[in-house]
Amino acid sequence: MALRCVFAMLLSAWALSASAASLTRVSAGTLPALPGSGELRGLVVADDTPLALRDGSLWQLDAKRSQWLPARWKAGAAAAPVLGLFGSGDAAYALTGTAPDVINGVARLRANGGTLVIDTLRSLPAPLRDVH
């Protein structure tokens, strides 16, 4: 019985000393207010450039991190409207579509010298509806 108690205490001490590291880099700070008043539909970082989606408009944080500016696309505009954003910390992705709440495609977002590049990925086998 005493051996079980010692084993349980050692196991508890080992479990308490274990810790998990963050999967993504987290930087503390304050962001400026995002223009508009609608629902924030996504917030990601593409190549160290924060991007936010609100009211169907994509915004990017300026180099001084003092204000949000309308997204500047290298091609002049995105091929399809951006309806959602998601990311992994290393890469940023856009959900694209032609109708509200109907996703037809997924694209990788890259920031290149203050402009955004959208790389369309493989087509979805069927449209996604009501994605949250």
Foldseek 3Di string as FASTA:
>chain_A
DVVVVVVVVVVVVVVVPDDDDDQADDDDDDADDAPDDADWQEWDAAPNWIWTAGPQWIWIQDPVRHYIDTAAAPVRDDPFGFQHWDDDNHWIKTFGDHDHQKGFFMWTWHDDPRHIYTGTDDTDPGIGGNDD
